[in-house]
Amino acid sequence: MLVRKAGSIDVNTRTEIWEFEVDNPDNSVKAGSFATVNLTVSRKDPTFFVPFSAVVTTLEKKFVIKISNDSTRWVDVSPGINLSDKTEIFGLLNEGDTLVIKANEEIKPNEKVYVKF
């Protein structure tokens, strides 16, 4: 169980120290030792993984471009964890939404588009 987070990111390594309490009934993990663990992360809010190219980052915001009723709409997102080929995002999205894969800020809101699958 997560019991404490440092609350600050090390700028050199982009890491943060987290402390967990772990059952150790047979005392196999000794004080001061290190262990390799598999951490399962669960979310209380819906989460989506998209290609990095689907997320637009400007000085003001991060967003994806959603296609709805044949027109574009910018949807603000917050970043989550990064995997090797995709990134986790949180925002007002639903399963089945159509997003622009190679998004950029030159694609303005309310532009008419033709979706090709």
Protein backbone atom coordinates (compact mmCIF):
# COMPACT_ATOMS: atom_id res chain seq x y z
CA MET A 1 0.00 0.00 0.00
CA LEU A 2 1.28 3.49 -0.89
CA VAL A 3 1.96 5.36 2.34
CA ARG A 4 4.04 8.38 1.30
CA LYS A 5 5.12 10.31 -1.79
CA ALA A 6 7.97 12.82 -1.86
CA GLY A 7 5.80 15.37 -3.65
CA SER A 8 8.61 16.67 -5.82
CA ILE A 9 10.29 15.46 -8.99
CA ASP A 10 14.09 15.22 -9.22
CA VAL A 11 14.87 17.41 -12.25
CA ASN A 12 17.94 15.36 -13.20
CA THR A 13 16.31 11.94 -13.25
CA ARG A 14 12.64 12.93 -13.57
CA THR A 15 11.81 10.56 -10.72
CA GLU A 16 9.96 10.80 -7.43
CA ILE A 17 10.40 8.69 -4.30
CA TRP A 18 7.34 6.74 -3.21
CA GLU A 19 7.18 4.61 -0.05
CA PHE A 20 5.05 1.49 0.21
CA GLU A 21 4.18 -0.81 3.10
CA VAL A 22 4.55 -4.46 2.14
CA ASP A 23 3.60 -7.57 4.09
CA ASN A 24 6.79 -9.41 5.03
CA PRO A 25 5.64 -12.26 7.30
CA ASP A 26 8.76 -14.40 6.81
CA ASN A 27 11.19 -11.45 7.15
CA SER A 28 12.73 -12.20 3.74
CA VAL A 29 13.10 -8.47 3.03
CA LYS A 30 15.57 -6.98 5.52
CA ALA A 31 15.77 -3.33 6.59
CA GLY A 32 17.67 -1.24 4.06
CA SER A 33 17.43 -3.84 1.29
CA PHE A 34 16.05 -3.23 -2.18
CA ALA A 35 13.57 -5.36 -4.07
CA THR A 36 12.27 -5.61 -7.60
CA VAL A 37 8.49 -5.41 -7.72
CA ASN A 38 5.67 -5.46 -10.22
CA LEU A 39 3.37 -2.54 -9.54
CA THR A 40 -0.23 -2.74 -10.70
CA VAL A 41 -1.73 0.70 -11.19
CA SER A 42 -5.48 1.22 -11.16
CA ARG A 43 -7.41 4.41 -11.83
CA LYS A 44 -10.69 5.61 -10.37
CA ASP A 45 -11.35 7.79 -13.46
CA PRO A 46 -11.49 6.60 -17.09
CA THR A 47 -8.12 6.62 -18.79
CA PHE A 48 -7.10 6.38 -22.43
CA PHE A 49 -3.82 5.51 -24.13
CA VAL A 50 -3.12 7.27 -27.42
CA PRO A 51 -0.09 7.65 -29.70
CA PHE A 52 2.18 10.55 -28.70
CA SER A 53 1.33 12.23 -32.02
CA ALA A 54 -2.35 12.55 -31.02
CA VAL A 55 -1.55 14.96 -28.15
CA VAL A 56 -0.87 18.62 -28.95
CA THR A 57 1.17 20.57 -26.40
CA THR A 58 1.20 24.37 -26.52
CA LEU A 59 2.39 26.94 -24.00
CA GLU A 60 -1.17 27.20 -22.69
CA LYS A 61 -2.54 23.66 -22.80
CA LYS A 62 -2.45 20.01 -23.82
CA PHE A 63 -5.28 18.74 -25.99
CA VAL A 64 -6.40 16.12 -28.46
CA ILE A 65 -8.56 16.76 -31.51
CA LYS A 66 -11.83 14.87 -31.45
CA ILE A 67 -13.99 14.40 -34.54
CA SER A 68 -17.68 14.82 -33.80
CA ASN A 69 -20.45 15.33 -36.38
CA ASP A 70 -17.85 15.71 -39.17
CA SER A 71 -16.07 18.60 -37.48
CA THR A 72 -13.09 19.02 -35.17
CA ARG A 73 -13.17 19.84 -31.48
CA TRP A 74 -10.23 20.50 -29.15
CA VAL A 75 -10.51 18.50 -25.92
CA ASP A 76 -8.23 19.49 -23.04
CA VAL A 77 -6.36 16.55 -21.51
CA SER A 78 -4.04 15.90 -18.60
CA PRO A 79 -1.08 13.58 -19.03
CA GLY A 80 -0.62 10.28 -17.24
CA ILE A 81 2.14 7.72 -17.61
CA ASN A 82 4.16 7.17 -20.79
CA LEU A 83 4.76 3.79 -22.35
CA SER A 84 7.24 3.11 -25.14
CA ASP A 85 4.78 3.83 -27.96
CA LYS A 86 1.85 5.68 -26.37
CA THR A 87 0.84 8.02 -23.58
CA GLU A 88 -1.97 7.98 -21.04
CA ILE A 89 -4.41 10.91 -21.06
CA PHE A 90 -7.35 12.03 -18.96
CA GLY A 91 -10.08 14.27 -20.32
CA LEU A 92 -13.70 14.50 -21.40
CA LEU A 93 -13.49 11.55 -23.77
CA ASN A 94 -15.52 8.40 -24.20
CA GLU A 95 -14.69 4.96 -25.50
CA GLY A 96 -15.30 4.95 -29.25
CA ASP A 97 -14.48 8.65 -29.79
CA THR A 98 -12.58 9.37 -33.00
CA LEU A 99 -9.35 11.30 -32.51
CA VAL A 100 -6.88 12.78 -34.99
CA ILE A 101 -3.76 10.61 -34.85
CA LYS A 102 -1.34 13.24 -36.19
CA ALA A 103 -2.75 16.29 -34.46
CA ASN A 104 -1.37 19.82 -34.49
CA GLU A 105 -2.60 23.29 -33.57
CA GLU A 106 -3.05 24.20 -37.24
CA ILE A 107 -6.15 21.99 -37.20
CA LYS A 108 -8.58 24.50 -35.71
CA PRO A 109 -11.82 23.76 -33.84
CA ASN A 110 -15.02 23.50 -35.91
CA GLU A 111 -13.21 22.60 -39.15
CA LYS A 112 -15.23 20.29 -41.37
CA VAL A 113 -13.51 16.98 -41.99
CA TYR A 114 -14.11 13.72 -43.77
CA VAL A 115 -13.22 10.68 -41.65
CA LYS A 116 -11.58 7.85 -43.58
CA PHE A 117 -11.26 4.48 -41.81
